[in-house]
């Protein structure tokens, strides 16, 4: 259907703030509302996420961020009715993002991520 699930999150953007060195650590807590066809087919009831992001600035224009997050999902069933698909209760994601600030209003970013269930 082209749509993902709805995520709601709260975060503290500077749990650790060493801004004079260009380094911060942020934390987040989130809630997943299943609205996608895939999640409905997997009988997802809801999910919770917790994550940490470290960011290092290199000068005024470039920054590099690493995020790691773990999620706990709750499904109505452990498998689909045919038993072909197993609904895994945990997921761990990692992302590395490089950002470049072209102007005060325009920033570009490239993200590479990997998830394990």
PDB file of N, CA and C in Angstrom:
ATOM      1  N   UNK A   1       0.814  -1.195   0.000  1.00  0.00           N
ATOM      2  CA  UNK A   1       0.000   0.000   0.000  1.00  0.00           C
ATOM      3  C   UNK A   1       0.856   1.257   0.000  1.00  0.00           C
ATOM      4  N   UNK A   2       2.168   1.127   0.215  1.00  0.00           N
ATOM      5  CA  UNK A   2       3.058   2.274   0.146  1.00  0.00           C
ATOM      6  C   UNK A   2       3.210   3.049   1.436  1.00  0.00           C
ATOM      7  N   UNK A   3       2.455   2.711   2.457  1.00  0.00           N
ATOM      8  CA  UNK A   3       2.534   3.440   3.716  1.00  0.00           C
ATOM      9  C   UNK A   3       3.132   2.559   4.791  1.00  0.00           C
ATOM     10  N   UNK A   4       3.919   3.165   5.666  1.00  0.00           N
ATOM     11  CA  UNK A   4       4.487   2.449   6.798  1.00  0.00           C
ATOM     12  C   UNK A   4       3.624   2.663   8.026  1.00  0.00           C
ATOM     13  N   UNK A   5       4.115   2.216   9.142  1.00  0.00           N
ATOM     14  CA  UNK A   5       3.396   2.383  10.397  1.00  0.00           C
ATOM     15  C   UNK A   5       3.594   3.790  10.940  1.00  0.00           C
ATOM     16  N   UNK A   6       2.741   4.170  11.848  1.00  0.00           N
ATOM     17  CA  UNK A   6       2.812   5.475  12.492  1.00  0.00           C
ATOM     18  C   UNK A   6       3.691   5.362  13.724  1.00  0.00           C
ATOM     19  N   UNK A   7       4.672   6.229  13.835  1.00  0.00           N
ATOM     20  CA  UNK A   7       5.558   6.240  14.994  1.00  0.00           C
ATOM     21  C   UNK A   7       5.396   7.520  15.776  1.00  0.00           C
ATOM     22  N   UNK A   8       5.327   7.401  17.078  1.00  0.00           N
ATOM     23  CA  UNK A   8       5.231   8.548  17.975  1.00  0.00           C
ATOM     24  C   UNK A   8       6.423   8.455  18.917  1.00  0.00           C
ATOM     25  N   UNK A   9       7.181   9.537  19.054  1.00  0.00           N
ATOM     26  CA  UNK A   9       8.400   9.472  19.863  1.00  0.00           C
ATOM     27  C   UNK A   9       8.595  10.735  20.685  1.00  0.00           C
ATOM     28  N   UNK A  10       9.266  10.549  21.808  1.00  0.00           N
ATOM     29  CA  UNK A  10       9.769  11.681  22.593  1.00  0.00           C
ATOM     30  C   UNK A  10      11.274  11.499  22.684  1.00  0.00           C
ATOM     31  N   UNK A  11      11.981  12.609  22.753  1.00  0.00           N
ATOM     32  CA  UNK A  11      13.435  12.492  22.797  1.00  0.00           C
ATOM     33  C   UNK A  11      14.040  13.619  23.612  1.00  0.00           C
ATOM     34  N   UNK A  12      15.242  13.360  24.059  1.00  0.00           N
ATOM     35  CA  UNK A  12      16.073  14.369  24.701  1.00  0.00           C
ATOM     36  C   UNK A  12      17.260  14.535  23.771  1.00  0.00           C
ATOM     37  N   UNK A  13      17.322  15.645  23.096  1.00  0.00           N
ATOM     38  CA  UNK A  13      18.329  15.827  22.047  1.00  0.00           C
ATOM     39  C   UNK A  13      19.748  15.980  22.580  1.00  0.00           C
ATOM     40  N   UNK A  14      19.885  16.185  23.873  1.00  0.00           N
ATOM     41  CA  UNK A  14      21.236  16.368  24.405  1.00  0.00           C
ATOM     42  C   UNK A  14      21.370  15.754  25.797  1.00  0.00           C
ATOM     43  N   UNK A  15      21.309  14.408  25.852  1.00  0.00           N
ATOM     44  CA  UNK A  15      21.571  13.738  27.133  1.00  0.00           C
ATOM     45  C   UNK A  15      22.986  14.056  27.595  1.00  0.00           C
ATOM     46  N   UNK A  16      23.901  14.015  26.642  1.00  0.00           N
ATOM     47  CA  UNK A  16      25.285  14.430  26.870  1.00  0.00           C
ATOM     48  C   UNK A  16      25.569  15.524  25.860  1.00  0.00           C
ATOM     49  N   UNK A  17      26.036  16.663  26.328  1.00  0.00           N
ATOM     50  CA  UNK A  17      26.256  17.794  25.441  1.00  0.00           C
ATOM     51  C   UNK A  17      27.667  18.337  25.625  1.00  0.00           C
ATOM     52  N   UNK A  18      28.551  17.954  24.727  1.00  0.00           N
ATOM     53  CA  UNK A  18      29.904  18.508  24.698  1.00  0.00           C
ATOM     54  C   UNK A  18      30.020  19.379  23.451  1.00  0.00           C
ATOM     55  N   UNK A  19      29.154  20.388  23.403  1.00  0.00           N
ATOM     56  CA  UNK A  19      29.034  21.204  22.208  1.00  0.00           C
ATOM     57  C   UNK A  19      30.339  21.909  21.841  1.00  0.00           C
ATOM     58  N   UNK A  20      31.163  22.221  22.831  1.00  0.00           N
ATOM     59  CA  UNK A  20      32.442  22.852  22.536  1.00  0.00           C
ATOM     60  C   UNK A  20      33.342  21.911  21.724  1.00  0.00           C
ATOM     61  N   UNK A  21      33.082  20.604  21.823  1.00  0.00           N
ATOM     62  CA  UNK A  21      33.822  19.607  21.030  1.00  0.00           C
ATOM     63  C   UNK A  21      32.996  19.099  19.859  1.00  0.00           C
ATOM     64  N   UNK A  22      31.756  19.580  19.724  1.00  0.00           N
ATOM     65  CA  UNK A  22      30.892  19.170  18.625  1.00  0.00           C
ATOM     66  C   UNK A  22      30.287  17.797  18.794  1.00  0.00           C
ATOM     67  N   UNK A  23      30.167  17.317  20.041  1.00  0.00           N
ATOM     68  CA  UNK A  23      29.699  15.960  20.295  1.00  0.00           C
ATOM     69  C   UNK A  23      28.453  15.969  21.174  1.00  0.00           C
ATOM     70  N   UNK A  24      27.426  15.222  20.769  1.00  0.00           N
ATOM     71  CA  UNK A  24      26.219  15.080  21.584  1.00  0.00           C
ATOM     72  C   UNK A  24      25.746  13.625  21.569  1.00  0.00           C
ATOM     73  N   UNK A  25      25.016  13.263  22.626  1.00  0.00           N
ATOM     74  CA  UNK A  25      24.324  11.979  22.690  1.00  0.00           C
ATOM     75  C   UNK A  25      22.861  12.290  22.986  1.00  0.00           C
ATOM     76  N   UNK A  26      21.974  11.728  22.175  1.00  0.00           N
ATOM     77  CA  UNK A  26      20.537  11.937  22.338  1.00  0.00           C
ATOM     78  C   UNK A  26      19.864  10.602  22.619  1.00  0.00           C
ATOM     79  N   UNK A  27      18.751  10.644  23.324  1.00  0.00           N
ATOM     80  CA  UNK A  27      17.983   9.440  23.609  1.00  0.00           C
ATOM     81  C   UNK A  27      16.548   9.611  23.162  1.00  0.00           C
ATOM     82  N   UNK A  28      15.883   8.496  22.838  1.00  0.00           N
ATOM     83  CA  UNK A  28      14.492   8.579  22.415  1.00  0.00           C
ATOM     84  C   UNK A  28      13.715   7.349  22.875  1.00  0.00           C
ATOM     85  N   UNK A  29      12.433   7.549  23.096  1.00  0.00           N
ATOM     86  CA  UNK A  29      11.474   6.488  23.388  1.00  0.00           C
ATOM     87  C   UNK A  29      10.329   6.643  22.411  1.00  0.00           C
ATOM     88  N   UNK A  30       9.865   5.532  21.845  1.00  0.00           N
ATOM     89  CA  UNK A  30       8.820   5.624  20.841  1.00  0.00           C
ATOM     90  C   UNK A  30       7.763   4.550  20.970  1.00  0.00           C
ATOM     91  N   UNK A  31       6.648   4.807  20.317  1.00  0.00           N
ATOM     92  CA  UNK A  31       5.507   3.900  20.275  1.00  0.00           C
ATOM     93  C   UNK A  31       5.129   3.710  18.813  1.00  0.00           C
ATOM     94  N   UNK A  32       4.867   2.466  18.418  1.00  0.00           N
ATOM     95  CA  UNK A  32       4.525   2.142  17.036  1.00  0.00           C
ATOM     96  C   UNK A  32       3.041   1.800  16.952  1.00  0.00           C
ATOM     97  N   UNK A  33       2.323   2.512  16.078  1.00  0.00           N
ATOM     98  CA  UNK A  33       0.913   2.244  15.822  1.00  0.00           C
ATOM     99  C   UNK A  33       0.823   1.545  14.467  1.00  0.00           C
ATOM    100  N   UNK A  34       0.360   0.288  14.422  1.00  0.00           N
ATOM    101  CA  UNK A  34       0.323  -0.444  13.158  1.00  0.00           C
ATOM    102  C   UNK A  34      -0.805   0.036  12.248  1.00  0.00           C
ATOM    103  N   UNK A  35      -0.436   0.654  11.137  1.00  0.00           N
ATOM    104  CA  UNK A  35      -1.434   1.104  10.162  1.00  0.00           C
ATOM    105  C   UNK A  35      -1.151   0.541   8.769  1.00  0.00           C
ATOM    106  N   UNK A  36       0.020  -0.066   8.569  1.00  0.00           N
ATOM    107  CA  UNK A  36       0.363  -0.594   7.244  1.00  0.00           C
ATOM    108  C   UNK A  36      -0.287  -1.953   7.016  1.00  0.00           C
ATOM    109  N   UNK A  37      -0.444  -2.311   5.761  1.00  0.00           N
ATOM    110  CA  UNK A  37      -0.995  -3.630   5.411  1.00  0.00           C
ATOM    111  C   UNK A  37      -0.100  -4.752   5.928  1.00  0.00           C
ATOM    112  N   UNK A  38       1.212  -4.559   5.826  1.00  0.00           N
ATOM    113  CA  UNK A  38       2.143  -5.588   6.308  1.00  0.00           C
ATOM    114  C   UNK A  38       1.967  -5.847   7.797  1.00  0.00           C
ATOM    115  N   UNK A  39       1.840  -4.788   8.581  1.00  0.00           N
ATOM    116  CA  UNK A  39       1.683  -4.956  10.029  1.00  0.00           C
ATOM    117  C   UNK A  39       0.339  -5.583  10.381  1.00  0.00           C
ATOM    118  N   UNK A  40      -0.685  -5.198   9.652  1.00  0.00           N
ATOM    119  CA  UNK A  40      -2.001  -5.800   9.902  1.00  0.00           C
ATOM    120  C   UNK A  40      -1.984  -7.277   9.543  1.00  0.00           C
ATOM    121  N   UNK A  41      -1.324  -7.641   8.444  1.00  0.00           N
ATOM    122  CA  UNK A  41      -1.217  -9.047   8.053  1.00  0.00           C
ATOM    123  C   UNK A  41      -0.406  -9.841   9.074  1.00  0.00           C
ATOM    124  N   UNK A  42       0.551  -9.180   9.707  1.00  0.00           N
ATOM    125  CA  UNK A  42       1.387  -9.838  10.726  1.00  0.00           C
ATOM    126  C   UNK A  42       0.733  -9.810  12.104  1.00  0.00           C
ATOM    127  N   UNK A  43      -0.487  -9.331  12.188  1.00  0.00           N
ATOM    128  CA  UNK A  43      -1.271  -9.231  13.428  1.00  0.00           C
ATOM    129  C   UNK A  43      -0.566  -8.398  14.509  1.00  0.00           C
ATOM    130  N   UNK A  44       0.157  -7.348  14.078  1.00  0.00           N
ATOM    131  CA  UNK A  44       0.843  -6.476  15.034  1.00  0.00           C
ATOM    132  C   UNK A  44      -0.178  -5.676  15.833  1.00  0.00           C
ATOM    133  N   UNK A  45      -0.059  -5.728  17.153  1.00  0.00           N
ATOM    134  CA  UNK A  45      -0.936  -4.958  18.035  1.00  0.00           C
ATOM    135  C   UNK A  45      -0.309  -3.584  18.282  1.00  0.00           C
ATOM    136  N   UNK A  46       0.948  -3.556  18.722  1.00  0.00           N
ATOM    137  CA  UNK A  46       1.702  -2.318  18.901  1.00  0.00           C
ATOM    138  C   UNK A  46       3.161  -2.658  19.153  1.00  0.00           C
ATOM    139  N   UNK A  47       3.976  -1.620  19.309  1.00  0.00           N
ATOM    140  CA  UNK A  47       5.390  -1.823  19.559  1.00  0.00           C
ATOM    141  C   UNK A  47       5.993  -0.643  20.288  1.00  0.00           C
ATOM    142  N   UNK A  48       7.124  -0.883  20.923  1.00  0.00           N
ATOM    143  CA  UNK A  48       7.822   0.148  21.686  1.00  0.00           C
ATOM    144  C   UNK A  48       9.283   0.162  21.263  1.00  0.00           C
ATOM    145  N   UNK A  49       9.881   1.363  21.215  1.00  0.00           N
ATOM    146  CA  UNK A  49      11.277   1.497  20.802  1.00  0.00           C
ATOM    147  C   UNK A  49      12.035   2.375  21.782  1.00  0.00           C
ATOM    148  N   UNK A  50      13.329   2.063  21.939  1.00  0.00           N
ATOM    149  CA  UNK A  50      14.235   2.902  22.725  1.00  0.00           C
ATOM    150  C   UNK A  50      15.533   3.006  21.939  1.00  0.00           C
ATOM    151  N   UNK A  51      16.081   4.210  21.856  1.00  0.00           N
ATOM    152  CA  UNK A  51      17.290   4.371  21.067  1.00  0.00           C
ATOM    153  C   UNK A  51      18.226   5.442  21.593  1.00  0.00           C
ATOM    154  N   UNK A  52      19.471   5.354  21.143  1.00  0.00           N
ATOM    155  CA  UNK A  52      20.507   6.346  21.441  1.00  0.00           C
ATOM    156  C   UNK A  52      21.151   6.782  20.140  1.00  0.00           C
ATOM    157  N   UNK A  53      21.438   8.067  20.038  1.00  0.00           N
ATOM    158  CA  UNK A  53      22.110   8.614  18.863  1.00  0.00           C
ATOM    159  C   UNK A  53      23.301   9.443  19.309  1.00  0.00           C
ATOM    160  N   UNK A  54      24.459   9.154  18.742  1.00  0.00           N
ATOM    161  CA  UNK A  54      25.643   9.989  18.987  1.00  0.00           C
ATOM    162  C   UNK A  54      25.912  10.789  17.715  1.00  0.00           C
ATOM    163  N   UNK A  55      26.264  12.037  17.885  1.00  0.00           N
ATOM    164  CA  UNK A  55      26.556  12.905  16.749  1.00  0.00           C
ATOM    165  C   UNK A  55      27.868  13.626  16.989  1.00  0.00           C
ATOM    166  N   UNK A  56      28.715  13.634  15.976  1.00  0.00           N
ATOM    167  CA  UNK A  56      29.979  14.365  16.025  1.00  0.00           C
ATOM    168  C   UNK A  56      29.990  15.350  14.857  1.00  0.00           C
ATOM    169  N   UNK A  57      30.166  16.621  15.176  1.00  0.00           N
ATOM    170  CA  UNK A  57      30.292  17.650  14.135  1.00  0.00           C
ATOM    171  C   UNK A  57      31.754  17.808  13.756  1.00  0.00           C
ATOM    172  N   UNK A  58      31.969  18.020  12.474  1.00  0.00           N
ATOM    173  CA  UNK A  58      33.301  18.293  11.948  1.00  0.00           C
ATOM    174  C   UNK A  58      33.240  19.643  11.268  1.00  0.00           C
ATOM    175  N   UNK A  59      33.589  20.675  12.010  1.00  0.00           N
ATOM    176  CA  UNK A  59      33.465  22.026  11.491  1.00  0.00           C
ATOM    177  C   UNK A  59      32.013  22.481  11.526  1.00  0.00           C
ATOM    178  N   UNK A  60      31.693  23.475  10.735  1.00  0.00           N
ATOM    179  CA  UNK A  60      30.344  24.048  10.710  1.00  0.00           C
ATOM    180  C   UNK A  60      29.417  23.352   9.722  1.00  0.00           C
ATOM    181  N   UNK A  61      29.968  22.561   8.791  1.00  0.00           N
ATOM    182  CA  UNK A  61      29.160  22.029   7.688  1.00  0.00           C
ATOM    183  C   UNK A  61      28.850  20.535   7.767  1.00  0.00           C
ATOM    184  N   UNK A  62      29.773  19.713   8.270  1.00  0.00           N
ATOM    185  CA  UNK A  62      29.618  18.268   8.185  1.00  0.00           C
ATOM    186  C   UNK A  62      29.431  17.643   9.565  1.00  0.00           C
ATOM    187  N   UNK A  63      28.528  16.658   9.648  1.00  0.00           N
ATOM    188  CA  UNK A  63      28.367  15.900  10.889  1.00  0.00           C
ATOM    189  C   UNK A  63      28.130  14.434  10.553  1.00  0.00           C
ATOM    190  N   UNK A  64      28.500  13.585  11.498  1.00  0.00           N
ATOM    191  CA  UNK A  64      28.348  12.146  11.371  1.00  0.00           C
ATOM    192  C   UNK A  64      27.584  11.654  12.596  1.00  0.00           C
ATOM    193  N   UNK A  65      26.511  10.874  12.359  1.00  0.00           N
ATOM    194  CA  UNK A  65      25.683  10.367  13.456  1.00  0.00           C
ATOM    195  C   UNK A  65      25.574   8.853  13.381  1.00  0.00           C
ATOM    196  N   UNK A  66      25.518   8.230  14.553  1.00  0.00           N
ATOM    197  CA  UNK A  66      25.281   6.794  14.652  1.00  0.00           C
ATOM    198  C   UNK A  66      24.112   6.592  15.599  1.00  0.00           C
ATOM    199  N   UNK A  67      23.112   5.836  15.142  1.00  0.00           N
ATOM    200  CA  UNK A  67      21.942   5.554  15.973  1.00  0.00           C
ATOM    201  C   UNK A  67      21.783   4.054  16.143  1.00  0.00           C
ATOM    202  N   UNK A  68      21.483   3.633  17.360  1.00  0.00           N
ATOM    203  CA  UNK A  68      21.140   2.248  17.627  1.00  0.00           C
ATOM    204  C   UNK A  68      19.827   2.247  18.406  1.00  0.00           C
ATOM    205  N   UNK A  69      18.927   1.346  18.016  1.00  0.00           N
ATOM    206  CA  UNK A  69      17.613   1.289  18.662  1.00  0.00           C
ATOM    207  C   UNK A  69      17.140  -0.159  18.743  1.00  0.00           C
ATOM    208  N   UNK A  70      16.459  -0.457  19.823  1.00  0.00           N
ATOM    209  CA  UNK A  70      15.854  -1.777  19.983  1.00  0.00           C
ATOM    210  C   UNK A  70      14.348  -1.581  20.091  1.00  0.00           C
ATOM    211  N   UNK A  71      13.612  -2.514  19.496  1.00  0.00           N
ATOM    212  CA  UNK A  71      12.158  -2.435  19.509  1.00  0.00           C
ATOM    213  C   UNK A  71      11.576  -3.740  20.046  1.00  0.00           C
ATOM    214  N   UNK A  72      10.455  -3.621  20.717  1.00  0.00           N
ATOM    215  CA  UNK A  72       9.707  -4.777  21.200  1.00  0.00           C
ATOM    216  C   UNK A  72       8.320  -4.705  20.584  1.00  0.00           C
ATOM    217  N   UNK A  73       7.941  -5.734  19.837  1.00  0.00           N
ATOM    218  CA  UNK A  73       6.654  -5.764  19.149  1.00  0.00           C
ATOM    219  C   UNK A  73       5.739  -6.798  19.789  1.00  0.00           C
ATOM    220  N   UNK A  74       4.453  -6.496  19.805  1.00  0.00           N
ATOM    221  CA  UNK A  74       3.445  -7.403  20.339  1.00  0.00           C
ATOM    222  C   UNK A  74       2.469  -7.762  19.227  1.00  0.00           C
ATOM    223  N   UNK A  75       2.357  -9.063  18.952  1.00  0.00           N
ATOM    224  CA  UNK A  75       1.492  -9.572  17.900  1.00  0.00           C
ATOM    225  C   UNK A  75       0.362 -10.391  18.512  1.00  0.00           C
ATOM    226  N   UNK A  76      -0.756 -10.440  17.798  1.00  0.00           N
ATOM    227  CA  UNK A  76      -1.862 -11.279  18.245  1.00  0.00           C
ATOM    228  C   UNK A  76      -1.478 -12.752  18.147  1.00  0.00           C
ATOM    229  N   UNK A  77      -0.721 -13.105  17.089  1.00  0.00           N
ATOM    230  CA  UNK A  77      -0.286 -14.486  16.882  1.00  0.00           C
ATOM    231  C   UNK A  77       1.225 -14.513  16.626  1.00  0.00           C
ATOM    232  N   UNK A  78       1.878 -15.602  17.017  1.00  0.00           N
ATOM    233  CA  UNK A  78       3.312 -15.754  16.775  1.00  0.00           C
ATOM    234  C   UNK A  78       3.625 -16.022  15.308  1.00  0.00           C
ATOM    235  N   UNK A  79       2.643 -16.557  14.558  1.00  0.00           N
ATOM    236  CA  UNK A  79       2.845 -16.863  13.139  1.00  0.00           C
ATOM    237  C   UNK A  79       1.555 -16.566  12.387  1.00  0.00           C
ATOM    238  N   UNK A  80       1.668 -16.427  11.068  1.00  0.00           N
ATOM    239  CA  UNK A  80       0.453 -16.230  10.278  1.00  0.00           C
ATOM    240  C   UNK A  80      -0.347 -17.543  10.256  1.00  0.00           C
ATOM    241  N   UNK A  81      -1.601 -17.512   9.797  1.00  0.00           N
ATOM    242  CA  UNK A  81      -2.439 -18.720   9.860  1.00  0.00           C
ATOM    243  C   UNK A  81      -1.854 -19.946   9.149  1.00  0.00           C
ATOM    244  N   UNK A  82      -1.019 -19.741   8.139  1.00  0.00           N
ATOM    245  CA  UNK A  82      -0.419 -20.884   7.439  1.00  0.00           C
ATOM    246  C   UNK A  82       0.862 -21.361   8.110  1.00  0.00           C
ATOM    247  N   UNK A  83       1.374 -20.582   9.047  1.00  0.00           N
ATOM    248  CA  UNK A  83       2.631 -20.925   9.710  1.00  0.00           C
ATOM    249  C   UNK A  83       3.853 -20.569   8.886  1.00  0.00           C
ATOM    250  N   UNK A  84       3.655 -19.893   7.763  1.00  0.00           N
ATOM    251  CA  UNK A  84       4.759 -19.556   6.860  1.00  0.00           C
ATOM    252  C   UNK A  84       5.606 -18.396   7.369  1.00  0.00           C
ATOM    253  N   UNK A  85       4.994 -17.467   8.071  1.00  0.00           N
ATOM    254  CA  UNK A  85       5.706 -16.285   8.549  1.00  0.00           C
ATOM    255  C   UNK A  85       5.689 -16.251  10.068  1.00  0.00           C
ATOM    256  N   UNK A  86       6.868 -16.143  10.662  1.00  0.00           N
ATOM    257  CA  UNK A  86       6.995 -16.046  12.108  1.00  0.00           C
ATOM    258  C   UNK A  86       7.121 -14.576  12.486  1.00  0.00           C
ATOM    259  N   UNK A  87       6.317 -14.125  13.431  1.00  0.00           N
ATOM    260  CA  UNK A  87       6.351 -12.742  13.894  1.00  0.00           C
ATOM    261  C   UNK A  87       7.371 -12.621  15.016  1.00  0.00           C
ATOM    262  N   UNK A  88       8.489 -12.020  14.714  1.00  0.00           N
ATOM    263  CA  UNK A  88       9.554 -11.875  15.710  1.00  0.00           C
ATOM    264  C   UNK A  88       9.231 -10.721  16.663  1.00  0.00           C
ATOM    265  N   UNK A  89       9.414 -10.956  17.962  1.00  0.00           N
ATOM    266  CA  UNK A  89       9.027  -9.942  18.942  1.00  0.00           C
ATOM    267  C   UNK A  89      10.036  -8.814  19.129  1.00  0.00           C
ATOM    268  N   UNK A  90      11.292  -9.001  18.674  1.00  0.00           N
ATOM    269  CA  UNK A  90      12.312  -7.981  18.878  1.00  0.00           C
ATOM    270  C   UNK A  90      12.957  -7.587  17.556  1.00  0.00           C
ATOM    271  N   UNK A  91      13.440  -6.366  17.518  1.00  0.00           N
ATOM    272  CA  UNK A  91      14.164  -5.884  16.347  1.00  0.00           C
ATOM    273  C   UNK A  91      15.243  -4.926  16.841  1.00  0.00           C
ATOM    274  N   UNK A  92      16.411  -4.997  16.229  1.00  0.00           N
ATOM    275  CA  UNK A  92      17.511  -4.098  16.587  1.00  0.00           C
ATOM    276  C   UNK A  92      17.996  -3.445  15.305  1.00  0.00           C
ATOM    277  N   UNK A  93      18.011  -2.111  15.286  1.00  0.00           N
ATOM    278  CA  UNK A  93      18.407  -1.350  14.101  1.00  0.00           C
ATOM    279  C   UNK A  93      19.597  -0.464  14.412  1.00  0.00           C
ATOM    280  N   UNK A  94      20.461  -0.313  13.422  1.00  0.00           N
ATOM    281  CA  UNK A  94      21.614   0.572  13.513  1.00  0.00           C
ATOM    282  C   UNK A  94      21.672   1.410  12.245  1.00  0.00           C
ATOM    283  N   UNK A  95      21.948   2.698  12.406  1.00  0.00           N
ATOM    284  CA  UNK A  95      22.048   3.595  11.255  1.00  0.00           C
ATOM    285  C   UNK A  95      23.260   4.506  11.400  1.00  0.00           C
ATOM    286  N   UNK A  96      23.901   4.741  10.290  1.00  0.00           N
ATOM    287  CA  UNK A  96      25.001   5.696  10.210  1.00  0.00           C
ATOM    288  C   UNK A  96      24.586   6.762   9.203  1.00  0.00           C
ATOM    289  N   UNK A  97      24.652   8.025   9.618  1.00  0.00           N
ATOM    290  CA  UNK A  97      24.206   9.129   8.770  1.00  0.00           C
ATOM    291  C   UNK A  97      25.291  10.182   8.668  1.00  0.00           C
ATOM    292  N   UNK A  98      25.573  10.581   7.450  1.00  0.00           N
ATOM    293  CA  UNK A  98      26.454  11.715   7.194  1.00  0.00           C
ATOM    294  C   UNK A  98      25.625  12.877   6.690  1.00  0.00           C
ATOM    295  N   UNK A  99      25.795  14.050   7.287  1.00  0.00           N
ATOM    296  CA  UNK A  99      25.024  15.235   6.898  1.00  0.00           C
ATOM    297  C   UNK A  99      25.948  16.363   6.497  1.00  0.00           C
ATOM    298  N   UNK A 100      25.518  17.110   5.477  1.00  0.00           N
ATOM    299  CA  UNK A 100      26.278  18.277   5.031  1.00  0.00           C
ATOM    300  C   UNK A 100      25.339  19.466   4.951  1.00  0.00           C
ATOM    301  N   UNK A 101      25.731  20.568   5.578  1.00  0.00           N
ATOM    302  CA  UNK A 101      24.918  21.776   5.606  1.00  0.00           C
ATOM    303  C   UNK A 101      25.374  22.690   4.460  1.00  0.00           C
ATOM    304  N   UNK A 102      24.559  22.731   3.400  1.00  0.00           N
ATOM    305  CA  UNK A 102      24.896  23.550   2.232  1.00  0.00           C
ATOM    306  C   UNK A 102      24.688  25.031   2.512  1.00  0.00           C
ATOM    307  N   UNK A 103      23.549  25.352   3.113  1.00  0.00           N
ATOM    308  CA  UNK A 103      23.231  26.728   3.518  1.00  0.00           C
ATOM    309  C   UNK A 103      22.533  26.648   4.871  1.00  0.00           C
ATOM    310  N   UNK A 104      22.114  27.788   5.395  1.00  0.00           N
ATOM    311  CA  UNK A 104      21.389  27.790   6.667  1.00  0.00           C
ATOM    312  C   UNK A 104      20.047  27.069   6.557  1.00  0.00           C
ATOM    313  N   UNK A 105      19.502  26.954   5.336  1.00  0.00           N
ATOM    314  CA  UNK A 105      18.192  26.352   5.152  1.00  0.00           C
ATOM    315  C   UNK A 105      18.223  25.007   4.427  1.00  0.00           C
ATOM    316  N   UNK A 106      19.344  24.607   3.865  1.00  0.00           N
ATOM    317  CA  UNK A 106      19.413  23.376   3.078  1.00  0.00           C
ATOM    318  C   UNK A 106      20.524  22.471   3.616  1.00  0.00           C
ATOM    319  N   UNK A 107      20.116  21.260   4.007  1.00  0.00           N
ATOM    320  CA  UNK A 107      21.050  20.235   4.481  1.00  0.00           C
ATOM    321  C   UNK A 107      20.771  18.954   3.731  1.00  0.00           C
ATOM    322  N   UNK A 108      21.817  18.274   3.316  1.00  0.00           N
ATOM    323  CA  UNK A 108      21.678  16.971   2.665  1.00  0.00           C
ATOM    324  C   UNK A 108      22.219  15.895   3.580  1.00  0.00           C
ATOM    325  N   UNK A 109      21.661  14.682   3.467  1.00  0.00           N
ATOM    326  CA  UNK A 109      22.101  13.572   4.318  1.00  0.00           C
ATOM    327  C   UNK A 109      22.051  12.271   3.564  1.00  0.00           C
ATOM    328  N   UNK A 110      22.976  11.379   3.925  1.00  0.00           N
ATOM    329  CA  UNK A 110      23.006  10.022   3.406  1.00  0.00           C
ATOM    330  C   UNK A 110      22.987   9.082   4.596  1.00  0.00           C
ATOM    331  N   UNK A 111      22.080   8.104   4.577  1.00  0.00           N
ATOM    332  CA  UNK A 111      21.927   7.178   5.700  1.00  0.00           C
ATOM    333  C   UNK A 111      22.085   5.742   5.220  1.00  0.00           C
ATOM    334  N   UNK A 112      22.839   4.964   5.969  1.00  0.00           N
ATOM    335  CA  UNK A 112      22.969   3.529   5.717  1.00  0.00           C
ATOM    336  C   UNK A 112      22.535   2.833   6.997  1.00  0.00           C
ATOM    337  N   UNK A 113      21.693   1.822   6.871  1.00  0.00           N
ATOM    338  CA  UNK A 113      21.195   1.161   8.061  1.00  0.00           C
ATOM    339  C   UNK A 113      21.168  -0.337   7.920  1.00  0.00           C
ATOM    340  N   UNK A 114      21.168  -1.000   9.076  1.00  0.00           N
ATOM    341  CA  UNK A 114      21.049  -2.455   9.108  1.00  0.00           C
ATOM    342  C   UNK A 114      20.164  -2.812  10.291  1.00  0.00           C
ATOM    343  N   UNK A 115      19.303  -3.776  10.078  1.00  0.00           N
ATOM    344  CA  UNK A 115      18.414  -4.221  11.154  1.00  0.00           C
ATOM    345  C   UNK A 115      18.534  -5.716  11.347  1.00  0.00           C
ATOM    346  N   UNK A 116      18.394  -6.149  12.576  1.00  0.00           N
ATOM    347  CA  UNK A 116      18.404  -7.571  12.869  1.00  0.00           C
ATOM    348  C   UNK A 116      17.179  -7.901  13.695  1.00  0.00           C
ATOM    349  N   UNK A 117      16.619  -9.034  13.472  1.00  0.00           N
ATOM    350  CA  UNK A 117      15.423  -9.438  14.223  1.00  0.00           C
ATOM    351  C   UNK A 117      15.708 -10.720  14.970  1.00  0.00           C
TER     352      UNK A 117
END
